């Protein structure tokens, strides 16, 4: 892992000088007994799971960290696999990668359901075929405008004093649901007033 070009360092039991002082390996059981809290942070009790904190050279942009996570998951170091060891990558980079994968694989199924349910509810409320379709198109326009504003303000940084930062993956999904959820009572009120 230390030979990887984007890894700056590793913290954990692997950072101890095992090669320079082989007696440390013999003291592992004693260290677990003497300082169980410290050892428990890095090594499981059955000594089959070791926690390493891998420090990336590139913390910004965060895409570099996600690329490192993806690369370590897809191509673990050969020295690990040759010894029958496996590598599980977690941390903030792994969490965000897993969340993005889970969320954005569900979006193609979620959007038609939300659009369909919105159409049905508005059809029942407005008793019209055309008005619900028009409402959905206008809502899609407002969602697109909201997404554009997010990009312009937070990714392009056109407003002074607001730092440029990536938009978290849950924000577009939540924004889509909130805009559609808020629009239905408005159209229901419109239908009641017109009746």
N, C-alpha and C. Protein backbone atom coordinates (compact mmCIF):
# COMPACT_ATOMS: atom_id res chain seq x y z
N UNK A 1 0.83 -1.21 0.00
CA UNK A 1 0.00 0.00 0.00
C UNK A 1 0.86 1.26 0.00
N UNK A 2 1.97 1.22 0.71
CA UNK A 2 2.84 2.39 0.75
C UNK A 2 3.49 2.66 -0.60
N UNK A 3 3.59 1.64 -1.45
CA UNK A 3 4.18 1.83 -2.77
C UNK A 3 3.20 2.45 -3.76
N UNK A 4 1.94 2.54 -3.37
CA UNK A 4 0.94 3.15 -4.25
C UNK A 4 1.25 4.64 -4.40
N UNK A 5 1.20 5.18 -5.62
CA UNK A 5 1.61 6.59 -5.81
C UNK A 5 0.74 7.61 -5.10
N UNK A 6 -0.51 7.30 -4.78
CA UNK A 6 -1.37 8.29 -4.13
C UNK A 6 -1.49 8.09 -2.62
N UNK A 7 -0.77 7.12 -2.06
CA UNK A 7 -0.82 6.87 -0.61
C UNK A 7 0.35 7.60 0.05
N UNK A 8 0.04 8.50 0.99
CA UNK A 8 1.07 9.26 1.69
C UNK A 8 1.61 8.52 2.90
N UNK A 9 0.79 7.72 3.56
CA UNK A 9 1.24 7.00 4.74
C UNK A 9 0.15 6.10 5.27
N UNK A 10 0.53 5.27 6.24
CA UNK A 10 -0.41 4.33 6.85
C UNK A 10 -0.21 4.40 8.36
N UNK A 11 -1.33 4.46 9.09
CA UNK A 11 -1.28 4.42 10.54
C UNK A 11 -1.93 3.13 11.01
N UNK A 12 -1.36 2.57 12.05
CA UNK A 12 -1.88 1.31 12.58
C UNK A 12 -0.73 0.45 13.05
N UNK A 13 -1.03 -0.80 13.36
CA UNK A 13 0.03 -1.71 13.81
C UNK A 13 1.05 -1.98 12.73
N UNK A 14 0.64 -1.81 11.47
CA UNK A 14 1.61 -2.03 10.39
C UNK A 14 2.67 -0.94 10.36
N UNK A 15 2.39 0.19 11.03
CA UNK A 15 3.37 1.25 11.08
C UNK A 15 4.48 1.00 12.07
N UNK A 16 4.33 -0.01 12.92
CA UNK A 16 5.39 -0.33 13.88
C UNK A 16 6.57 -0.99 13.15
N UNK A 17 7.78 -0.82 13.67
CA UNK A 17 8.97 -1.36 12.97
C UNK A 17 9.13 -2.87 13.20
N UNK A 18 8.26 -3.68 12.56
CA UNK A 18 8.33 -5.13 12.75
C UNK A 18 9.63 -5.71 12.21
N UNK A 19 10.09 -5.22 11.06
CA UNK A 19 11.31 -5.77 10.45
C UNK A 19 12.54 -5.44 11.28
N UNK A 20 12.59 -4.23 11.83
CA UNK A 20 13.75 -3.82 12.62
C UNK A 20 13.76 -4.50 13.99
N UNK A 21 12.59 -4.83 14.53
CA UNK A 21 12.51 -5.41 15.85
C UNK A 21 11.53 -6.58 15.83
N UNK A 22 11.96 -7.78 15.40
CA UNK A 22 11.04 -8.92 15.29
C UNK A 22 10.46 -9.33 16.64
N UNK A 23 11.07 -8.93 17.74
CA UNK A 23 10.56 -9.30 19.06
C UNK A 23 9.18 -8.69 19.32
N UNK A 24 8.85 -7.60 18.60
CA UNK A 24 7.53 -6.99 18.77
C UNK A 24 6.43 -7.96 18.41
N UNK A 25 6.64 -8.78 17.38
CA UNK A 25 5.62 -9.74 16.97
C UNK A 25 5.35 -10.74 18.08
N UNK A 26 6.37 -11.10 18.84
CA UNK A 26 6.19 -12.04 19.95
C UNK A 26 5.48 -11.39 21.12
N UNK A 27 5.49 -10.06 21.18
CA UNK A 27 4.87 -9.34 22.30
C UNK A 27 3.42 -8.95 22.01
N UNK A 28 2.87 -9.42 20.88
CA UNK A 28 1.54 -8.99 20.49
C UNK A 28 0.49 -9.38 21.53
N UNK A 29 0.56 -10.61 22.02
CA UNK A 29 -0.41 -11.04 23.04
C UNK A 29 -0.26 -10.22 24.32
N UNK A 30 0.97 -9.92 24.69
CA UNK A 30 1.20 -9.11 25.89
C UNK A 30 0.66 -7.70 25.70
N UNK A 31 0.85 -7.13 24.48
CA UNK A 31 0.33 -5.79 24.21
C UNK A 31 -1.19 -5.77 24.27
N UNK A 32 -1.83 -6.84 23.79
CA UNK A 32 -3.29 -6.90 23.87
C UNK A 32 -3.76 -6.94 25.33
N UNK A 33 -3.01 -7.61 26.18
CA UNK A 33 -3.38 -7.68 27.59
C UNK A 33 -3.07 -6.35 28.29
N UNK A 34 -1.93 -5.72 27.98
CA UNK A 34 -1.49 -4.51 28.68
C UNK A 34 -2.31 -3.28 28.27
N UNK A 35 -2.56 -3.12 27.00
CA UNK A 35 -3.31 -1.95 26.52
C UNK A 35 -4.44 -2.42 25.60
N UNK A 36 -5.49 -3.02 26.19
CA UNK A 36 -6.54 -3.61 25.35
C UNK A 36 -7.31 -2.57 24.54
N UNK A 37 -7.49 -1.37 25.10
CA UNK A 37 -8.25 -0.36 24.35
C UNK A 37 -7.49 0.09 23.11
N UNK A 38 -6.20 0.33 23.26
CA UNK A 38 -5.40 0.77 22.11
C UNK A 38 -5.28 -0.34 21.08
N UNK A 39 -5.05 -1.56 21.54
CA UNK A 39 -4.92 -2.67 20.60
C UNK A 39 -6.27 -2.99 19.95
N UNK A 40 -7.35 -2.85 20.72
CA UNK A 40 -8.67 -3.15 20.18
C UNK A 40 -9.09 -2.21 19.07
N UNK A 41 -8.44 -1.02 19.00
CA UNK A 41 -8.75 -0.08 17.93
C UNK A 41 -8.20 -0.55 16.59
N UNK A 42 -7.13 -1.34 16.62
CA UNK A 42 -6.46 -1.72 15.38
C UNK A 42 -6.51 -3.21 15.07
N UNK A 43 -6.77 -4.05 16.09
CA UNK A 43 -6.69 -5.49 15.88
C UNK A 43 -7.85 -6.18 16.59
N UNK A 44 -8.52 -7.09 15.87
CA UNK A 44 -9.61 -7.83 16.49
C UNK A 44 -9.05 -8.83 17.51
N UNK A 45 -9.90 -9.30 18.42
CA UNK A 45 -9.43 -10.20 19.47
C UNK A 45 -8.92 -11.52 18.91
N UNK A 46 -9.52 -11.99 17.81
CA UNK A 46 -9.03 -13.25 17.23
C UNK A 46 -7.82 -13.02 16.32
N UNK A 47 -7.35 -11.78 16.21
CA UNK A 47 -6.17 -11.40 15.43
C UNK A 47 -6.32 -11.76 13.95
N UNK A 48 -7.55 -11.73 13.45
CA UNK A 48 -7.76 -12.02 12.03
C UNK A 48 -8.17 -10.78 11.24
N UNK A 49 -8.40 -9.67 11.94
CA UNK A 49 -8.84 -8.45 11.28
C UNK A 49 -7.98 -7.29 11.77
N UNK A 50 -7.32 -6.62 10.86
CA UNK A 50 -6.41 -5.53 11.19
C UNK A 50 -6.91 -4.25 10.54
N UNK A 51 -6.98 -3.18 11.31
CA UNK A 51 -7.43 -1.89 10.80
C UNK A 51 -6.22 -1.06 10.43
N UNK A 52 -6.22 -0.56 9.20
CA UNK A 52 -5.18 0.34 8.72
C UNK A 52 -5.83 1.65 8.31
N UNK A 53 -5.24 2.74 8.71
CA UNK A 53 -5.72 4.04 8.26
C UNK A 53 -4.80 4.50 7.14
N UNK A 54 -5.32 4.46 5.93
CA UNK A 54 -4.54 4.82 4.75
C UNK A 54 -4.76 6.31 4.49
N UNK A 55 -3.67 7.05 4.42
CA UNK A 55 -3.74 8.50 4.23
C UNK A 55 -3.38 8.81 2.78
N UNK A 56 -4.31 9.45 2.09
CA UNK A 56 -4.12 9.78 0.68
C UNK A 56 -3.30 11.06 0.55
N UNK A 57 -2.54 11.15 -0.52
CA UNK A 57 -1.80 12.38 -0.80
C UNK A 57 -2.75 13.49 -1.26
N UNK A 58 -3.87 13.10 -1.85
CA UNK A 58 -4.80 14.07 -2.42
C UNK A 58 -6.11 14.02 -1.65
N UNK A 59 -6.29 14.92 -0.70
CA UNK A 59 -7.56 15.00 0.03
C UNK A 59 -8.55 15.89 -0.70
N UNK A 60 -8.06 16.79 -1.52
CA UNK A 60 -8.92 17.63 -2.36
C UNK A 60 -8.41 17.53 -3.78
N UNK A 61 -9.21 17.37 -4.77
CA UNK A 61 -10.64 17.15 -4.70
C UNK A 61 -10.97 15.75 -4.19
N UNK A 62 -12.17 15.61 -3.66
CA UNK A 62 -12.55 14.34 -3.05
C UNK A 62 -12.65 13.22 -4.08
N UNK A 63 -12.74 13.59 -5.37
CA UNK A 63 -12.78 12.58 -6.43
C UNK A 63 -11.51 11.74 -6.42
N UNK A 64 -10.38 12.34 -6.02
CA UNK A 64 -9.12 11.58 -5.94
C UNK A 64 -9.21 10.48 -4.88
N UNK A 65 -9.84 10.79 -3.76
CA UNK A 65 -10.00 9.80 -2.69
C UNK A 65 -10.93 8.68 -3.16
N UNK A 66 -12.03 9.05 -3.85
CA UNK A 66 -12.93 8.02 -4.36
C UNK A 66 -12.25 7.15 -5.41
N UNK A 67 -11.37 7.75 -6.22
CA UNK A 67 -10.62 6.96 -7.20
C UNK A 67 -9.69 5.97 -6.50
N UNK A 68 -9.06 6.40 -5.40
CA UNK A 68 -8.19 5.50 -4.64
C UNK A 68 -8.99 4.35 -4.06
N UNK A 69 -10.17 4.65 -3.51
CA UNK A 69 -11.03 3.60 -2.96
C UNK A 69 -11.40 2.60 -4.04
N UNK A 70 -11.83 3.12 -5.20
CA UNK A 70 -12.25 2.23 -6.29
C UNK A 70 -11.07 1.36 -6.76
N UNK A 71 -9.90 1.97 -6.87
CA UNK A 71 -8.73 1.22 -7.34
C UNK A 71 -8.32 0.13 -6.34
N UNK A 72 -8.34 0.46 -5.04
CA UNK A 72 -7.97 -0.54 -4.03
C UNK A 72 -8.99 -1.68 -3.97
N UNK A 73 -10.27 -1.36 -4.20
CA UNK A 73 -11.28 -2.42 -4.19
C UNK A 73 -11.18 -3.31 -5.42
N UNK A 74 -10.91 -2.71 -6.57
CA UNK A 74 -10.87 -3.50 -7.80
C UNK A 74 -9.54 -4.23 -7.97
N UNK A 75 -8.45 -3.58 -7.57
CA UNK A 75 -7.11 -4.17 -7.74
C UNK A 75 -6.34 -4.12 -6.43
N UNK A 76 -6.62 -5.02 -5.48
CA UNK A 76 -5.86 -5.01 -4.23
C UNK A 76 -4.40 -5.38 -4.51
N UNK A 77 -3.48 -4.94 -3.64
CA UNK A 77 -2.08 -5.27 -3.85
C UNK A 77 -1.86 -6.78 -3.97
N UNK A 78 -1.01 -7.18 -4.93
CA UNK A 78 -0.77 -8.61 -5.18
C UNK A 78 -0.16 -9.30 -3.97
N UNK A 79 0.64 -8.56 -3.20
CA UNK A 79 1.28 -9.19 -2.03
C UNK A 79 0.24 -9.66 -1.02
N UNK A 80 -0.91 -8.98 -0.96
CA UNK A 80 -1.98 -9.42 -0.05
C UNK A 80 -2.64 -10.69 -0.56
N UNK A 81 -3.01 -10.69 -1.83
CA UNK A 81 -3.72 -11.85 -2.37
C UNK A 81 -2.82 -13.07 -2.44
N UNK A 82 -1.52 -12.86 -2.63
CA UNK A 82 -0.58 -14.00 -2.66
C UNK A 82 -0.51 -14.70 -1.32
N UNK A 83 -0.70 -13.96 -0.23
CA UNK A 83 -0.65 -14.53 1.12
C UNK A 83 -2.04 -14.91 1.63
N UNK A 84 -3.03 -14.89 0.77
CA UNK A 84 -4.38 -15.29 1.17
C UNK A 84 -5.12 -14.26 2.00
N UNK A 85 -4.69 -13.01 1.92
CA UNK A 85 -5.33 -11.95 2.69
C UNK A 85 -6.29 -11.17 1.79
N UNK A 86 -7.30 -10.59 2.39
CA UNK A 86 -8.24 -9.77 1.63
C UNK A 86 -8.24 -8.35 2.19
N UNK A 87 -8.64 -7.41 1.35
CA UNK A 87 -8.64 -6.00 1.71
C UNK A 87 -10.06 -5.46 1.62
N UNK A 88 -10.58 -4.91 2.71
CA UNK A 88 -11.89 -4.27 2.74
C UNK A 88 -11.66 -2.78 2.95
N UNK A 89 -12.19 -1.97 2.05
CA UNK A 89 -11.94 -0.53 2.10
C UNK A 89 -13.19 0.18 2.61
N UNK A 90 -13.03 0.97 3.66
CA UNK A 90 -14.14 1.73 4.24
C UNK A 90 -13.76 3.19 4.37
N UNK A 91 -14.18 3.80 5.45
CA UNK A 91 -13.87 5.21 5.69
C UNK A 91 -14.79 6.13 4.90
N UNK A 92 -14.54 7.44 4.97
CA UNK A 92 -15.41 8.40 4.27
C UNK A 92 -15.48 8.16 2.77
N UNK A 93 -14.34 7.88 2.15
CA UNK A 93 -14.34 7.63 0.70
C UNK A 93 -15.16 6.41 0.33
N UNK A 94 -14.99 5.34 1.09
CA UNK A 94 -15.77 4.13 0.84
C UNK A 94 -17.24 4.32 1.12
N UNK A 95 -17.56 5.05 2.19
CA UNK A 95 -18.96 5.29 2.54
C UNK A 95 -19.67 6.08 1.44
N UNK A 96 -19.03 7.14 0.96
CA UNK A 96 -19.64 7.96 -0.07
C UNK A 96 -19.76 7.19 -1.38
N UNK A 97 -18.75 6.39 -1.72
CA UNK A 97 -18.83 5.58 -2.94
C UNK A 97 -19.97 4.57 -2.85
N UNK A 98 -20.11 3.92 -1.70
CA UNK A 98 -21.19 2.94 -1.53
C UNK A 98 -22.57 3.61 -1.56
N UNK A 99 -22.66 4.78 -0.93
CA UNK A 99 -23.95 5.49 -0.93
C UNK A 99 -24.32 5.93 -2.34
N UNK A 100 -23.35 6.49 -3.08
CA UNK A 100 -23.62 6.92 -4.45
C UNK A 100 -24.08 5.75 -5.31
N UNK A 101 -23.41 4.62 -5.16
CA UNK A 101 -23.78 3.46 -5.96
C UNK A 101 -25.19 2.99 -5.62
N UNK A 102 -25.51 2.93 -4.33
CA UNK A 102 -26.84 2.47 -3.92
C UNK A 102 -27.93 3.46 -4.32
N UNK A 103 -27.64 4.75 -4.14
CA UNK A 103 -28.67 5.77 -4.43
C UNK A 103 -28.91 5.90 -5.93
N UNK A 104 -27.86 5.98 -6.71
CA UNK A 104 -28.04 6.27 -8.12
C UNK A 104 -28.41 5.04 -8.94
N UNK A 105 -28.31 3.86 -8.38
CA UNK A 105 -28.88 2.70 -9.07
C UNK A 105 -30.39 2.62 -8.83
N UNK A 106 -30.88 3.27 -7.76
CA UNK A 106 -32.31 3.25 -7.47
C UNK A 106 -33.06 4.38 -8.17
N UNK A 107 -32.35 5.41 -8.61
CA UNK A 107 -33.02 6.57 -9.21
C UNK A 107 -33.83 6.20 -10.46
N UNK A 108 -33.32 5.38 -11.38
CA UNK A 108 -34.13 5.06 -12.56
C UNK A 108 -35.45 4.37 -12.22
N UNK A 109 -35.52 3.70 -11.07
CA UNK A 109 -36.79 3.09 -10.65
C UNK A 109 -37.64 4.07 -9.85
N UNK A 110 -37.00 5.00 -9.15
CA UNK A 110 -37.73 5.92 -8.28
C UNK A 110 -38.46 7.00 -9.06
N UNK A 111 -37.83 7.56 -10.07
CA UNK A 111 -38.42 8.69 -10.79
C UNK A 111 -39.73 8.32 -11.47
N UNK A 112 -39.80 7.20 -12.21
CA UNK A 112 -41.11 6.86 -12.81
C UNK A 112 -42.21 6.63 -11.77
N UNK A 113 -41.84 6.05 -10.62
CA UNK A 113 -42.85 5.82 -9.57
C UNK A 113 -43.38 7.15 -9.04
N UNK A 114 -42.47 8.08 -8.76
CA UNK A 114 -42.90 9.39 -8.24
C UNK A 114 -43.74 10.12 -9.28
N UNK A 115 -43.31 10.09 -10.54
CA UNK A 115 -44.08 10.77 -11.59
C UNK A 115 -45.46 10.13 -11.76
N UNK A 116 -45.50 8.80 -11.74
CA UNK A 116 -46.77 8.10 -11.89
C UNK A 116 -47.73 8.37 -10.75
N UNK A 117 -47.22 8.30 -9.51
CA UNK A 117 -48.08 8.57 -8.35
C UNK A 117 -48.56 10.02 -8.33
N UNK A 118 -47.67 10.93 -8.72
CA UNK A 118 -48.07 12.34 -8.79
C UNK A 118 -49.19 12.53 -9.80
N UNK A 119 -49.04 11.88 -10.95
CA UNK A 119 -50.07 12.00 -11.98
C UNK A 119 -51.41 11.45 -11.48
N UNK A 120 -51.39 10.29 -10.82
CA UNK A 120 -52.62 9.68 -10.32
C UNK A 120 -53.29 10.57 -9.27
N UNK A 121 -52.51 11.07 -8.32
CA UNK A 121 -53.07 11.92 -7.26
C UNK A 121 -53.66 13.20 -7.87
N UNK A 122 -52.92 13.81 -8.81
CA UNK A 122 -53.43 15.04 -9.41
C UNK A 122 -54.62 14.76 -10.32
N UNK A 123 -54.65 13.61 -10.96
CA UNK A 123 -55.80 13.25 -11.78
C UNK A 123 -57.07 13.12 -10.93
N UNK A 124 -56.89 12.49 -9.75
CA UNK A 124 -58.04 12.35 -8.83
C UNK A 124 -58.47 13.72 -8.30
N UNK A 125 -57.49 14.57 -7.99
CA UNK A 125 -57.81 15.88 -7.41
C UNK A 125 -58.37 16.84 -8.45
N UNK A 126 -57.84 16.84 -9.67
CA UNK A 126 -58.23 17.83 -10.67
C UNK A 126 -59.26 17.32 -11.66
N UNK A 127 -59.45 16.01 -11.73
CA UNK A 127 -60.39 15.39 -12.66
C UNK A 127 -60.13 15.83 -14.11
N UNK A 128 -58.86 15.77 -14.46
CA UNK A 128 -58.46 16.18 -15.80
C UNK A 128 -57.28 15.33 -16.26
N UNK A 129 -57.20 15.08 -17.56
CA UNK A 129 -56.05 14.35 -18.09
C UNK A 129 -54.88 15.28 -18.39
N UNK A 130 -55.21 16.49 -18.81
CA UNK A 130 -54.17 17.41 -19.27
C UNK A 130 -53.48 18.15 -18.13
N UNK A 131 -54.24 18.61 -17.13
CA UNK A 131 -53.64 19.40 -16.04
C UNK A 131 -52.57 18.64 -15.25
N UNK A 132 -52.76 17.35 -14.91
CA UNK A 132 -51.68 16.65 -14.20
C UNK A 132 -50.40 16.53 -15.04
N UNK A 133 -50.56 16.30 -16.35
CA UNK A 133 -49.38 16.22 -17.21
C UNK A 133 -48.66 17.57 -17.25
N UNK A 134 -49.44 18.65 -17.34
CA UNK A 134 -48.85 19.99 -17.34
C UNK A 134 -48.15 20.27 -16.01
N UNK A 135 -48.77 19.86 -14.91
CA UNK A 135 -48.17 20.07 -13.59
C UNK A 135 -46.85 19.30 -13.46
N UNK A 136 -46.83 18.07 -13.96
CA UNK A 136 -45.59 17.28 -13.87
C UNK A 136 -44.49 17.92 -14.70
N UNK A 137 -44.82 18.40 -15.89
CA UNK A 137 -43.81 19.07 -16.73
C UNK A 137 -43.28 20.33 -16.05
N UNK A 138 -44.19 21.11 -15.44
CA UNK A 138 -43.74 22.32 -14.72
C UNK A 138 -42.88 21.95 -13.51
N UNK A 139 -43.23 20.86 -12.81
CA UNK A 139 -42.42 20.42 -11.68
C UNK A 139 -41.05 19.96 -12.14
N UNK A 140 -40.99 19.25 -13.26
CA UNK A 140 -39.69 18.83 -13.79
C UNK A 140 -38.84 20.06 -14.16
N UNK A 141 -39.50 21.10 -14.68
CA UNK A 141 -38.78 22.34 -14.97
C UNK A 141 -38.23 23.00 -13.71
N UNK A 142 -39.02 23.00 -12.64
CA UNK A 142 -38.54 23.60 -11.38
C UNK A 142 -37.42 22.77 -10.77
N UNK A 143 -37.49 21.44 -10.92
CA UNK A 143 -36.38 20.60 -10.44
C UNK A 143 -35.11 20.90 -11.23
N UNK A 144 -35.24 21.01 -12.54
CA UNK A 144 -34.07 21.32 -13.37
C UNK A 144 -33.48 22.68 -13.00
N UNK A 145 -34.34 23.66 -12.74
CA UNK A 145 -33.88 24.98 -12.34
C UNK A 145 -33.17 24.91 -10.98
N UNK A 146 -33.70 24.12 -10.05
CA UNK A 146 -33.07 23.98 -8.73
C UNK A 146 -31.69 23.33 -8.86
N UNK A 147 -31.59 22.29 -9.69
CA UNK A 147 -30.30 21.64 -9.91
C UNK A 147 -29.30 22.62 -10.53
N UNK A 148 -29.78 23.43 -11.47
CA UNK A 148 -28.90 24.42 -12.09
C UNK A 148 -28.40 25.43 -11.06
N UNK A 149 -29.30 25.88 -10.18
CA UNK A 149 -28.89 26.83 -9.14
C UNK A 149 -27.86 26.21 -8.20
N UNK A 150 -28.04 24.93 -7.86
CA UNK A 150 -27.05 24.25 -7.01
C UNK A 150 -25.67 24.26 -7.64
N UNK A 151 -25.63 23.93 -8.93
CA UNK A 151 -24.34 23.86 -9.62
C UNK A 151 -23.71 25.25 -9.72
N UNK A 152 -24.51 26.24 -10.11
CA UNK A 152 -23.97 27.59 -10.30
C UNK A 152 -23.46 28.17 -8.98
N UNK A 153 -24.21 27.97 -7.90
CA UNK A 153 -23.83 28.58 -6.63
C UNK A 153 -22.70 27.82 -5.94
N UNK A 154 -22.83 26.48 -5.85
CA UNK A 154 -21.90 25.74 -5.01
C UNK A 154 -20.74 25.10 -5.77
N UNK A 155 -20.89 24.88 -7.08
CA UNK A 155 -19.78 24.28 -7.82
C UNK A 155 -19.03 25.29 -8.67
N UNK A 156 -19.73 26.29 -9.18
CA UNK A 156 -19.06 27.33 -9.94
C UNK A 156 -18.64 28.49 -9.05
N UNK A 157 -19.31 28.68 -7.92
CA UNK A 157 -18.94 29.72 -6.96
C UNK A 157 -19.16 31.13 -7.46
N UNK A 158 -20.30 31.40 -8.08
CA UNK A 158 -20.55 32.74 -8.63
C UNK A 158 -20.91 33.77 -7.57
N UNK A 159 -21.30 33.31 -6.38
CA UNK A 159 -21.65 34.24 -5.30
C UNK A 159 -20.44 34.37 -4.38
N UNK A 160 -19.92 35.61 -4.22
CA UNK A 160 -18.76 35.79 -3.35
C UNK A 160 -19.07 35.40 -1.91
N UNK A 161 -18.11 34.78 -1.25
CA UNK A 161 -18.27 34.39 0.14
C UNK A 161 -18.75 32.97 0.33
N UNK A 162 -19.25 32.33 -0.73
CA UNK A 162 -19.67 30.93 -0.64
C UNK A 162 -18.58 30.08 -1.27
N UNK A 163 -18.03 29.20 -0.47
CA UNK A 163 -16.91 28.39 -0.97
C UNK A 163 -17.40 27.33 -1.95
N UNK A 164 -16.54 27.01 -2.90
CA UNK A 164 -16.85 26.00 -3.90
C UNK A 164 -16.70 24.62 -3.26
N UNK A 165 -17.73 23.81 -3.36
CA UNK A 165 -17.69 22.47 -2.79
C UNK A 165 -18.62 21.57 -3.60
N UNK A 166 -18.32 20.28 -3.60
CA UNK A 166 -19.21 19.37 -4.34
C UNK A 166 -20.55 19.24 -3.64
N UNK A 167 -21.58 18.99 -4.43
CA UNK A 167 -22.92 18.78 -3.89
C UNK A 167 -23.01 17.33 -3.44
N UNK A 168 -23.43 17.11 -2.21
CA UNK A 168 -23.54 15.75 -1.69
C UNK A 168 -24.57 14.97 -2.50
N UNK A 169 -24.35 13.66 -2.61
CA UNK A 169 -25.16 12.84 -3.51
C UNK A 169 -26.63 12.78 -3.10
N UNK A 170 -26.93 12.91 -1.81
CA UNK A 170 -28.33 12.81 -1.39
C UNK A 170 -29.12 14.08 -1.69
N UNK A 171 -28.45 15.19 -1.94
CA UNK A 171 -29.15 16.46 -2.13
C UNK A 171 -30.04 16.44 -3.38
N UNK A 172 -29.55 16.01 -4.55
CA UNK A 172 -30.46 16.00 -5.71
C UNK A 172 -31.68 15.09 -5.51
N UNK A 173 -31.48 13.95 -4.88
CA UNK A 173 -32.59 13.02 -4.65
C UNK A 173 -33.60 13.65 -3.69
N UNK A 174 -33.11 14.21 -2.60
CA UNK A 174 -33.99 14.83 -1.61
C UNK A 174 -34.71 16.03 -2.20
N UNK A 175 -34.00 16.81 -2.98
CA UNK A 175 -34.59 17.99 -3.60
C UNK A 175 -35.71 17.60 -4.57
N UNK A 176 -35.49 16.56 -5.35
CA UNK A 176 -36.52 16.06 -6.27
C UNK A 176 -37.78 15.67 -5.51
N UNK A 177 -37.60 14.90 -4.44
CA UNK A 177 -38.77 14.44 -3.67
C UNK A 177 -39.48 15.59 -2.97
N UNK A 178 -38.73 16.55 -2.42
CA UNK A 178 -39.36 17.67 -1.72
C UNK A 178 -40.16 18.54 -2.68
N UNK A 179 -39.58 18.83 -3.84
CA UNK A 179 -40.29 19.69 -4.80
C UNK A 179 -41.59 19.04 -5.25
N UNK A 180 -41.55 17.74 -5.55
CA UNK A 180 -42.77 17.07 -5.96
C UNK A 180 -43.76 16.94 -4.81
N UNK A 181 -43.24 16.68 -3.61
CA UNK A 181 -44.13 16.56 -2.46
C UNK A 181 -44.83 17.86 -2.11
N UNK A 182 -44.13 18.99 -2.27
CA UNK A 182 -44.73 20.29 -1.95
C UNK A 182 -45.71 20.75 -3.03
N UNK A 183 -45.54 20.24 -4.24
CA UNK A 183 -46.39 20.72 -5.33
C UNK A 183 -47.80 20.14 -5.26
N UNK A 184 -47.96 18.94 -4.72
CA UNK A 184 -49.27 18.29 -4.73
C UNK A 184 -50.30 19.07 -3.90
N UNK A 185 -50.01 19.50 -2.65
CA UNK A 185 -51.02 20.30 -1.93
C UNK A 185 -51.36 21.60 -2.65
N UNK A 186 -50.39 22.18 -3.37
CA UNK A 186 -50.64 23.42 -4.08
C UNK A 186 -51.67 23.19 -5.20
N UNK A 187 -51.51 22.09 -5.95
CA UNK A 187 -52.46 21.81 -7.01
C UNK A 187 -53.83 21.40 -6.45
N UNK A 188 -53.82 20.75 -5.31
CA UNK A 188 -55.09 20.38 -4.67
C UNK A 188 -55.85 21.64 -4.25
N UNK A 189 -55.12 22.61 -3.68
CA UNK A 189 -55.73 23.88 -3.31
C UNK A 189 -56.27 24.61 -4.54
N UNK A 190 -55.51 24.56 -5.62
CA UNK A 190 -55.95 25.18 -6.87
C UNK A 190 -57.24 24.53 -7.37
N UNK A 191 -57.35 23.21 -7.26
CA UNK A 191 -58.54 22.51 -7.72
C UNK A 191 -59.74 22.85 -6.86
N UNK A 192 -59.54 22.96 -5.54
CA UNK A 192 -60.66 23.28 -4.64
C UNK A 192 -61.17 24.69 -4.92
N UNK A 193 -60.25 25.64 -5.15
CA UNK A 193 -60.67 27.02 -5.40
C UNK A 193 -61.43 27.12 -6.73
N UNK A 194 -60.99 26.36 -7.73
CA UNK A 194 -61.65 26.43 -9.03
C UNK A 194 -63.02 25.75 -9.00
N UNK A 195 -63.23 24.76 -8.14
CA UNK A 195 -64.52 24.09 -8.05
C UNK A 195 -65.50 24.98 -7.31
